[in-house]
C-alpha cells in the first residue's frame, strides 16, 4: 500500500545534491523548488514557490544524481509525496523513483548504463542497431529512417516494436 500521493514535480534544484549514508548505502537528497503559474487580474505570473525535499534511495540513481546535477538545474521527479506540519509550516517530502532533466532546458547525451563487470547492459545487436540507424538517417532530417522497419534480431529475437 502506498503511503502518500504518486506525483510528478518539475522544478529547479535549490542547492547541490547532498549524499547521506543509510544502513551502509549512499542515498541522495535534493531540494526542488516548484513555481506554479497563476492568473491574477487576467495576467499570468509566478505563484508562491513550493519546496519539496526529495530523497532517492536507489544507489545507482543516487550516485548518478550526485555526479551529474547541480544547484539551479531544471529537474523532473516522480515518486510518492507525503506531507507533515511542524510549527504551522507544511513540509513536503518525496521519495523519488525517477529523477531526470527537462530536455527543453538541458542538453544531454544518453549513454547505456554499465554494470559492475564493465560489460554493457545493452541488448544483443545494440552496436549494429546504432550503425543501421546512422546509415538510415543520413538523408533523413528527423534521423529516424522510415520508423517502421526493424529486424527482430535488433531486439534479441523479440517481435516488440522499438519505441
N, C-alpha and C. Protein backbone atom coordinates (compact mmCIF):
# COMPACT_ATOMS: atom_id res chain seq x y z
N UNK A 1 0.84 -1.18 0.00
CA UNK A 1 0.00 0.00 0.00
C UNK A 1 0.88 1.25 0.00
N UNK A 2 0.52 2.20 -0.82
CA UNK A 2 1.29 3.43 -0.93
C UNK A 2 0.87 4.39 0.20
N UNK A 3 1.86 4.90 0.90
CA UNK A 3 1.61 5.88 1.95
C UNK A 3 1.95 7.26 1.44
N UNK A 4 1.12 7.79 0.59
CA UNK A 4 1.35 9.09 0.01
C UNK A 4 0.69 9.18 -1.34
N UNK A 5 0.97 10.26 -2.04
CA UNK A 5 0.34 10.51 -3.32
C UNK A 5 1.38 10.39 -4.43
N UNK A 6 1.21 9.44 -5.39
CA UNK A 6 2.14 9.37 -6.51
C UNK A 6 2.07 10.69 -7.28
N UNK A 7 3.21 11.31 -7.52
CA UNK A 7 3.23 12.64 -8.12
C UNK A 7 4.42 12.83 -9.04
N UNK A 8 4.26 13.82 -9.92
CA UNK A 8 5.33 14.26 -10.80
C UNK A 8 5.54 15.73 -10.50
N UNK A 9 6.77 16.09 -10.18
CA UNK A 9 7.08 17.50 -9.95
C UNK A 9 8.17 17.94 -10.92
N UNK A 10 8.10 19.20 -11.33
CA UNK A 10 9.07 19.78 -12.24
C UNK A 10 9.51 21.10 -11.64
N UNK A 11 10.80 21.25 -11.44
CA UNK A 11 11.28 22.49 -10.83
C UNK A 11 12.79 22.59 -10.89
N UNK A 12 13.33 23.50 -10.11
CA UNK A 12 14.77 23.76 -10.09
C UNK A 12 15.38 23.33 -8.76
N UNK A 13 16.63 22.84 -8.84
CA UNK A 13 17.33 22.48 -7.62
C UNK A 13 17.71 23.74 -6.86
N UNK A 14 17.40 23.77 -5.58
CA UNK A 14 17.71 24.92 -4.74
C UNK A 14 19.13 24.92 -4.23
N UNK A 15 19.78 23.77 -4.25
CA UNK A 15 21.18 23.63 -3.84
C UNK A 15 21.73 22.35 -4.47
N UNK A 16 23.03 22.18 -4.37
CA UNK A 16 23.64 20.96 -4.90
C UNK A 16 23.09 19.74 -4.15
N UNK A 17 23.02 18.60 -4.83
CA UNK A 17 22.55 17.38 -4.17
C UNK A 17 23.45 17.02 -2.98
N UNK A 18 22.85 16.42 -1.97
CA UNK A 18 23.59 16.01 -0.78
C UNK A 18 23.55 14.49 -0.67
N UNK A 19 24.66 13.90 -0.23
CA UNK A 19 24.68 12.46 -0.02
C UNK A 19 24.54 12.16 1.46
N UNK A 20 24.02 10.98 1.73
CA UNK A 20 23.87 10.53 3.11
C UNK A 20 24.01 9.03 3.12
N UNK A 21 24.61 8.50 4.17
CA UNK A 21 24.75 7.06 4.33
C UNK A 21 23.62 6.56 5.21
N UNK A 22 22.86 5.59 4.71
CA UNK A 22 21.78 4.97 5.46
C UNK A 22 21.95 3.46 5.36
N UNK A 23 22.16 2.82 6.50
CA UNK A 23 22.38 1.37 6.54
C UNK A 23 23.48 0.94 5.57
N UNK A 24 24.55 1.72 5.49
CA UNK A 24 25.68 1.38 4.65
C UNK A 24 25.50 1.69 3.17
N UNK A 25 24.38 2.28 2.80
CA UNK A 25 24.12 2.61 1.40
C UNK A 25 24.08 4.13 1.23
N UNK A 26 24.54 4.59 0.07
CA UNK A 26 24.50 6.01 -0.23
C UNK A 26 23.16 6.36 -0.85
N UNK A 27 22.52 7.39 -0.28
CA UNK A 27 21.29 7.92 -0.86
C UNK A 27 21.55 9.38 -1.24
N UNK A 28 20.66 9.94 -2.05
CA UNK A 28 20.79 11.34 -2.44
C UNK A 28 19.56 12.11 -1.97
N UNK A 29 19.80 13.33 -1.53
CA UNK A 29 18.70 14.23 -1.15
C UNK A 29 18.86 15.50 -1.97
N UNK A 30 17.73 15.94 -2.56
CA UNK A 30 17.73 17.18 -3.32
C UNK A 30 16.55 18.04 -2.89
N UNK A 31 16.72 19.34 -2.98
CA UNK A 31 15.63 20.29 -2.71
C UNK A 31 15.17 20.85 -4.04
N UNK A 32 13.89 20.67 -4.33
CA UNK A 32 13.33 21.10 -5.61
C UNK A 32 12.29 22.19 -5.38
N UNK A 33 12.48 23.32 -6.06
CA UNK A 33 11.53 24.43 -5.98
C UNK A 33 10.61 24.39 -7.18
N UNK A 34 9.32 24.25 -6.93
CA UNK A 34 8.31 24.26 -7.98
C UNK A 34 7.58 25.58 -7.89
N UNK A 35 7.57 26.33 -8.99
CA UNK A 35 6.91 27.62 -9.03
C UNK A 35 5.69 27.52 -9.93
N UNK A 36 4.50 27.46 -9.36
CA UNK A 36 3.30 27.33 -10.19
C UNK A 36 2.99 28.64 -10.92
N UNK A 37 2.34 28.52 -12.06
CA UNK A 37 1.87 29.69 -12.80
C UNK A 37 0.44 29.97 -12.34
N UNK A 38 0.15 31.21 -12.00
CA UNK A 38 -1.18 31.60 -11.54
C UNK A 38 -1.66 32.81 -12.33
N UNK A 39 -2.98 32.93 -12.42
CA UNK A 39 -3.57 34.05 -13.14
C UNK A 39 -4.16 35.02 -12.12
N UNK A 40 -3.66 36.26 -12.14
CA UNK A 40 -4.14 37.31 -11.25
C UNK A 40 -4.56 38.50 -12.09
N UNK A 41 -5.78 38.91 -11.93
CA UNK A 41 -6.32 40.06 -12.65
C UNK A 41 -6.10 39.93 -14.15
N UNK A 42 -6.33 38.72 -14.68
CA UNK A 42 -6.22 38.48 -16.11
C UNK A 42 -4.81 38.31 -16.63
N UNK A 43 -3.80 38.38 -15.77
CA UNK A 43 -2.40 38.25 -16.18
C UNK A 43 -1.77 37.02 -15.52
N UNK A 44 -1.00 36.28 -16.32
CA UNK A 44 -0.30 35.12 -15.78
C UNK A 44 1.02 35.54 -15.16
N UNK A 45 1.33 34.93 -14.05
CA UNK A 45 2.59 35.22 -13.36
C UNK A 45 2.99 34.05 -12.49
N UNK A 46 4.13 34.20 -11.83
CA UNK A 46 4.60 33.16 -10.93
C UNK A 46 3.87 33.22 -9.60
N UNK A 47 3.46 32.05 -9.12
CA UNK A 47 2.85 31.96 -7.81
C UNK A 47 3.93 31.79 -6.75
N UNK A 48 3.49 31.55 -5.54
CA UNK A 48 4.42 31.32 -4.44
C UNK A 48 5.17 30.00 -4.66
N UNK A 49 6.49 30.01 -4.50
CA UNK A 49 7.26 28.77 -4.70
C UNK A 49 6.89 27.71 -3.66
N UNK A 50 6.90 26.46 -4.10
CA UNK A 50 6.63 25.32 -3.23
C UNK A 50 7.89 24.46 -3.23
N UNK A 51 8.41 24.18 -2.04
CA UNK A 51 9.65 23.41 -1.91
C UNK A 51 9.35 21.96 -1.54
N UNK A 52 10.06 21.05 -2.21
CA UNK A 52 9.97 19.62 -1.93
C UNK A 52 11.36 19.13 -1.54
N UNK A 53 11.42 18.32 -0.50
CA UNK A 53 12.66 17.65 -0.11
C UNK A 53 12.56 16.25 -0.70
N UNK A 54 13.40 15.95 -1.70
CA UNK A 54 13.31 14.70 -2.45
C UNK A 54 14.43 13.77 -2.02
N UNK A 55 14.08 12.52 -1.72
CA UNK A 55 15.06 11.50 -1.35
C UNK A 55 15.06 10.42 -2.41
N UNK A 56 16.25 10.03 -2.86
CA UNK A 56 16.41 8.96 -3.84
C UNK A 56 17.15 7.82 -3.15
N UNK A 57 16.49 6.67 -3.04
CA UNK A 57 17.02 5.54 -2.29
C UNK A 57 17.84 4.58 -3.14
N UNK A 58 17.60 4.52 -4.45
CA UNK A 58 18.35 3.62 -5.33
C UNK A 58 19.79 4.10 -5.41
N UNK A 59 20.75 3.24 -5.08
CA UNK A 59 22.15 3.64 -5.01
C UNK A 59 22.70 4.13 -6.34
N UNK A 60 22.40 3.42 -7.42
CA UNK A 60 22.91 3.83 -8.73
C UNK A 60 22.37 5.21 -9.10
N UNK A 61 21.07 5.39 -8.96
CA UNK A 61 20.45 6.68 -9.29
C UNK A 61 20.99 7.78 -8.39
N UNK A 62 21.13 7.48 -7.10
CA UNK A 62 21.64 8.47 -6.16
C UNK A 62 23.05 8.91 -6.55
N UNK A 63 23.91 7.97 -6.87
CA UNK A 63 25.28 8.30 -7.25
C UNK A 63 25.29 9.13 -8.54
N UNK A 64 24.44 8.76 -9.47
CA UNK A 64 24.36 9.50 -10.73
C UNK A 64 23.89 10.94 -10.49
N UNK A 65 22.93 11.11 -9.60
CA UNK A 65 22.45 12.45 -9.25
C UNK A 65 23.58 13.26 -8.62
N UNK A 66 24.30 12.65 -7.69
CA UNK A 66 25.40 13.34 -7.01
C UNK A 66 26.49 13.77 -7.98
N UNK A 67 26.73 12.97 -9.02
CA UNK A 67 27.78 13.27 -10.00
C UNK A 67 27.31 14.22 -11.11
N UNK A 68 26.01 14.31 -11.35
CA UNK A 68 25.53 14.98 -12.55
C UNK A 68 24.77 16.29 -12.31
N UNK A 69 24.05 16.40 -11.21
CA UNK A 69 23.18 17.56 -11.02
C UNK A 69 23.80 18.61 -10.11
N UNK A 70 23.39 19.86 -10.33
CA UNK A 70 23.92 20.98 -9.56
C UNK A 70 22.81 21.99 -9.28
N UNK A 71 23.05 22.85 -8.32
CA UNK A 71 22.12 23.92 -7.97
C UNK A 71 21.67 24.66 -9.24
N UNK A 72 20.35 24.87 -9.36
CA UNK A 72 19.80 25.59 -10.49
C UNK A 72 19.34 24.71 -11.63
N UNK A 73 19.78 23.44 -11.67
CA UNK A 73 19.36 22.55 -12.75
C UNK A 73 17.85 22.34 -12.71
N UNK A 74 17.26 22.27 -13.89
CA UNK A 74 15.82 22.03 -14.02
C UNK A 74 15.59 20.52 -14.05
N UNK A 75 14.84 19.99 -13.10
CA UNK A 75 14.67 18.55 -12.97
C UNK A 75 13.20 18.14 -12.99
N UNK A 76 13.01 16.86 -13.28
CA UNK A 76 11.70 16.23 -13.26
C UNK A 76 11.82 15.06 -12.28
N UNK A 77 10.93 14.97 -11.31
CA UNK A 77 10.98 13.90 -10.31
C UNK A 77 9.63 13.21 -10.23
N UNK A 78 9.66 11.88 -10.16
CA UNK A 78 8.43 11.10 -10.00
C UNK A 78 8.59 10.22 -8.78
N UNK A 79 7.59 10.24 -7.93
CA UNK A 79 7.64 9.42 -6.73
C UNK A 79 6.40 9.63 -5.88
N UNK A 80 6.52 9.33 -4.61
CA UNK A 80 5.42 9.43 -3.67
C UNK A 80 5.65 10.64 -2.77
N UNK A 81 4.66 11.52 -2.72
CA UNK A 81 4.74 12.73 -1.90
C UNK A 81 3.97 12.53 -0.60
N UNK A 82 4.60 12.93 0.48
CA UNK A 82 3.95 12.95 1.78
C UNK A 82 4.14 14.35 2.36
N UNK A 83 3.32 14.67 3.33
CA UNK A 83 3.46 15.97 3.97
C UNK A 83 3.25 15.84 5.46
N UNK A 84 3.84 16.77 6.20
CA UNK A 84 3.58 16.88 7.63
C UNK A 84 3.65 18.36 7.98
N UNK A 85 3.16 18.67 9.14
CA UNK A 85 3.14 20.06 9.58
C UNK A 85 3.96 20.18 10.86
N UNK A 86 4.81 21.21 10.89
CA UNK A 86 5.63 21.44 12.06
C UNK A 86 5.63 22.94 12.33
N UNK A 87 5.18 23.33 13.48
CA UNK A 87 5.10 24.72 13.90
C UNK A 87 4.38 25.58 12.85
N UNK A 88 3.27 25.04 12.34
CA UNK A 88 2.44 25.78 11.40
C UNK A 88 2.95 25.81 9.96
N UNK A 89 4.05 25.12 9.69
CA UNK A 89 4.61 25.09 8.35
C UNK A 89 4.45 23.68 7.78
N UNK A 90 3.96 23.60 6.52
CA UNK A 90 3.79 22.32 5.86
C UNK A 90 5.10 21.94 5.17
N UNK A 91 5.57 20.73 5.46
CA UNK A 91 6.79 20.21 4.82
C UNK A 91 6.39 19.13 3.82
N UNK A 92 6.84 19.27 2.57
CA UNK A 92 6.54 18.29 1.53
C UNK A 92 7.78 17.45 1.27
N UNK A 93 7.62 16.15 1.36
CA UNK A 93 8.71 15.20 1.14
C UNK A 93 8.33 14.29 -0.02
N UNK A 94 9.31 13.91 -0.82
CA UNK A 94 9.07 12.95 -1.90
C UNK A 94 10.13 11.86 -1.83
N UNK A 95 9.68 10.63 -1.94
CA UNK A 95 10.58 9.50 -2.13
C UNK A 95 10.52 9.20 -3.62
N UNK A 96 11.56 9.58 -4.36
CA UNK A 96 11.53 9.52 -5.82
C UNK A 96 12.09 8.22 -6.37
N UNK A 97 11.37 7.68 -7.32
CA UNK A 97 11.84 6.51 -8.07
C UNK A 97 12.58 6.95 -9.32
N UNK A 98 12.19 8.12 -9.87
CA UNK A 98 12.75 8.61 -11.12
C UNK A 98 13.13 10.07 -10.95
N UNK A 99 14.34 10.42 -11.38
CA UNK A 99 14.79 11.81 -11.43
C UNK A 99 15.47 12.00 -12.77
N UNK A 100 15.08 13.04 -13.47
CA UNK A 100 15.68 13.31 -14.77
C UNK A 100 15.77 14.80 -15.02
N UNK A 101 16.24 15.15 -16.20
CA UNK A 101 16.33 16.55 -16.57
C UNK A 101 15.31 16.86 -17.64
N UNK A 102 14.91 18.11 -17.72
CA UNK A 102 13.96 18.58 -18.72
C UNK A 102 14.74 18.84 -20.00
N UNK A 103 14.43 18.10 -21.05
CA UNK A 103 15.17 18.23 -22.31
C UNK A 103 14.90 19.55 -23.01
N UNK A 104 13.89 20.30 -22.57
CA UNK A 104 13.67 21.64 -23.11
C UNK A 104 14.71 22.62 -22.59
N UNK A 105 15.33 22.29 -21.47
CA UNK A 105 16.26 23.22 -20.83
C UNK A 105 17.67 22.69 -20.65
N UNK A 106 17.91 21.46 -21.05
CA UNK A 106 19.23 20.85 -20.86
C UNK A 106 19.63 20.07 -22.09
N UNK A 107 20.92 20.09 -22.40
CA UNK A 107 21.47 19.23 -23.44
C UNK A 107 22.04 18.01 -22.75
N UNK A 108 21.66 16.83 -23.22
CA UNK A 108 22.16 15.61 -22.61
C UNK A 108 22.60 14.65 -23.70
N UNK A 109 23.45 13.73 -23.33
CA UNK A 109 23.85 12.63 -24.19
C UNK A 109 23.53 11.36 -23.42
N UNK A 110 22.67 10.52 -23.98
CA UNK A 110 22.27 9.30 -23.31
C UNK A 110 23.32 8.23 -23.58
N UNK A 111 23.80 7.63 -22.49
CA UNK A 111 24.77 6.56 -22.60
C UNK A 111 24.20 5.33 -21.92
N UNK A 112 24.33 4.16 -22.55
CA UNK A 112 23.81 2.94 -21.92
C UNK A 112 24.49 2.73 -20.57
N UNK A 113 23.71 2.26 -19.60
CA UNK A 113 24.21 2.02 -18.25
C UNK A 113 25.20 0.86 -18.26
N UNK A 114 26.26 0.98 -17.50
CA UNK A 114 27.27 -0.06 -17.37
C UNK A 114 27.04 -0.81 -16.07
N UNK A 115 27.24 -2.13 -16.09
CA UNK A 115 27.14 -2.87 -14.83
C UNK A 115 28.51 -2.99 -14.20
N UNK A 116 28.61 -3.64 -13.07
CA UNK A 116 29.87 -3.70 -12.31
C UNK A 116 31.00 -4.39 -13.05
N UNK A 117 30.69 -5.35 -13.93
CA UNK A 117 31.74 -6.08 -14.62
C UNK A 117 32.31 -5.34 -15.81
N UNK A 118 31.84 -4.12 -16.05
CA UNK A 118 32.34 -3.35 -17.17
C UNK A 118 31.66 -3.72 -18.49
N UNK A 119 30.82 -4.74 -18.45
CA UNK A 119 30.10 -5.13 -19.65
C UNK A 119 28.85 -4.27 -19.77
N UNK A 120 28.55 -3.84 -20.97
CA UNK A 120 27.39 -3.02 -21.20
C UNK A 120 26.12 -3.82 -20.96
N UNK A 121 25.09 -3.17 -20.45
CA UNK A 121 23.80 -3.83 -20.26
C UNK A 121 22.94 -3.66 -21.51
N UNK A 122 23.57 -3.57 -22.65
CA UNK A 122 22.86 -3.38 -23.90
C UNK A 122 22.26 -4.69 -24.36
N UNK A 123 21.20 -4.57 -25.14
CA UNK A 123 20.61 -5.76 -25.73
C UNK A 123 21.50 -6.24 -26.86
N UNK A 124 21.44 -7.53 -27.23
CA UNK A 124 22.25 -8.03 -28.34
C UNK A 124 21.96 -7.21 -29.60
N UNK A 125 23.01 -6.92 -30.34
CA UNK A 125 22.85 -6.18 -31.58
C UNK A 125 22.78 -4.68 -31.42
N UNK A 126 23.07 -4.16 -30.21
CA UNK A 126 22.97 -2.73 -29.95
C UNK A 126 23.85 -1.92 -30.88
N UNK A 127 25.14 -2.27 -30.97
CA UNK A 127 26.06 -1.51 -31.82
C UNK A 127 25.63 -1.60 -33.28
N UNK A 128 25.20 -2.78 -33.70
CA UNK A 128 24.73 -2.95 -35.07
C UNK A 128 23.51 -2.08 -35.33
N UNK A 129 22.60 -2.00 -34.36
CA UNK A 129 21.38 -1.19 -34.49
C UNK A 129 21.75 0.28 -34.61
N UNK A 130 22.74 0.73 -33.82
CA UNK A 130 23.17 2.12 -33.88
C UNK A 130 23.73 2.45 -35.25
N UNK A 131 24.57 1.57 -35.81
CA UNK A 131 25.15 1.81 -37.13
C UNK A 131 24.06 1.83 -38.19
N UNK A 132 23.09 0.92 -38.10
CA UNK A 132 21.99 0.88 -39.06
C UNK A 132 21.18 2.16 -38.99
N UNK A 133 20.92 2.67 -37.80
CA UNK A 133 20.17 3.92 -37.64
C UNK A 133 20.92 5.08 -38.28
N UNK A 134 22.23 5.13 -38.04
CA UNK A 134 23.02 6.23 -38.60
C UNK A 134 22.99 6.19 -40.12
N UNK A 135 23.10 5.00 -40.70
CA UNK A 135 23.04 4.87 -42.16
C UNK A 135 21.66 5.28 -42.68
N UNK A 136 20.60 4.81 -42.01
CA UNK A 136 19.24 5.09 -42.45
C UNK A 136 18.89 6.56 -42.32
N UNK A 137 19.50 7.23 -41.35
CA UNK A 137 19.13 8.62 -41.11
C UNK A 137 20.00 9.60 -41.87
N UNK A 138 20.95 9.12 -42.66
CA UNK A 138 21.88 10.01 -43.36
C UNK A 138 21.12 11.03 -44.21
N UNK A 139 20.07 10.64 -44.90
CA UNK A 139 19.32 11.58 -45.73
C UNK A 139 18.03 12.04 -45.08
N UNK A 140 17.77 11.64 -43.86
CA UNK A 140 16.52 11.96 -43.17
C UNK A 140 16.76 13.05 -42.14
N UNK A 141 16.16 14.24 -42.31
CA UNK A 141 16.40 15.30 -41.34
C UNK A 141 15.91 14.97 -39.94
N UNK A 142 14.99 14.01 -39.81
CA UNK A 142 14.47 13.62 -38.49
C UNK A 142 15.31 12.52 -37.89
N UNK A 143 16.20 11.94 -38.67
CA UNK A 143 17.13 10.94 -38.14
C UNK A 143 16.48 9.64 -37.74
N UNK A 144 15.36 9.29 -38.38
CA UNK A 144 14.66 8.10 -37.94
C UNK A 144 14.47 7.07 -39.04
N UNK A 145 14.99 7.27 -40.23
CA UNK A 145 14.71 6.34 -41.31
C UNK A 145 13.22 6.38 -41.57
N UNK A 146 12.61 5.25 -41.92
CA UNK A 146 11.17 5.25 -42.13
C UNK A 146 10.40 5.01 -40.85
N UNK A 147 11.09 4.62 -39.77
CA UNK A 147 10.46 4.46 -38.46
C UNK A 147 9.62 3.21 -38.32
N UNK A 148 9.51 2.40 -39.39
CA UNK A 148 8.63 1.25 -39.31
C UNK A 148 9.34 -0.08 -39.47
N UNK A 149 10.50 -0.09 -40.10
CA UNK A 149 11.15 -1.35 -40.36
C UNK A 149 12.27 -1.58 -39.36
N UNK A 150 12.19 -2.69 -38.65
CA UNK A 150 13.26 -3.09 -37.75
C UNK A 150 13.40 -4.60 -37.86
N UNK A 151 14.59 -5.07 -37.68
CA UNK A 151 14.82 -6.51 -37.69
C UNK A 151 14.57 -7.05 -36.30
N UNK A 152 13.93 -8.21 -36.22
CA UNK A 152 13.64 -8.77 -34.90
C UNK A 152 14.93 -9.10 -34.15
N UNK A 153 16.03 -9.32 -34.87
CA UNK A 153 17.30 -9.60 -34.18
C UNK A 153 17.79 -8.38 -33.42
N UNK A 154 17.31 -7.17 -33.79
CA UNK A 154 17.69 -5.96 -33.07
C UNK A 154 17.23 -6.01 -31.62
N UNK A 155 16.23 -6.79 -31.34
CA UNK A 155 15.63 -6.82 -30.00
C UNK A 155 15.86 -8.16 -29.33
N UNK A 156 16.89 -8.85 -29.72
CA UNK A 156 17.17 -10.13 -29.10
C UNK A 156 16.12 -11.16 -29.42
N UNK A 157 15.49 -11.08 -30.61
CA UNK A 157 14.51 -12.06 -31.02
C UNK A 157 13.08 -11.65 -30.70
N UNK A 158 12.87 -10.52 -30.08
CA UNK A 158 11.52 -10.08 -29.73
C UNK A 158 10.80 -9.50 -30.94
N UNK A 159 9.49 -9.67 -30.99
CA UNK A 159 8.69 -9.07 -32.05
C UNK A 159 8.14 -7.71 -31.65
N UNK A 160 8.53 -7.21 -30.48
CA UNK A 160 8.05 -5.93 -30.00
C UNK A 160 8.61 -4.79 -30.83
N UNK A 161 7.81 -3.77 -31.14
CA UNK A 161 8.35 -2.62 -31.87
C UNK A 161 9.21 -1.77 -30.93
N UNK A 162 10.16 -1.05 -31.51
CA UNK A 162 11.03 -0.18 -30.72
C UNK A 162 10.34 1.16 -30.53
N UNK A 163 10.38 1.67 -29.32
CA UNK A 163 9.75 2.96 -29.05
C UNK A 163 10.79 3.98 -28.75
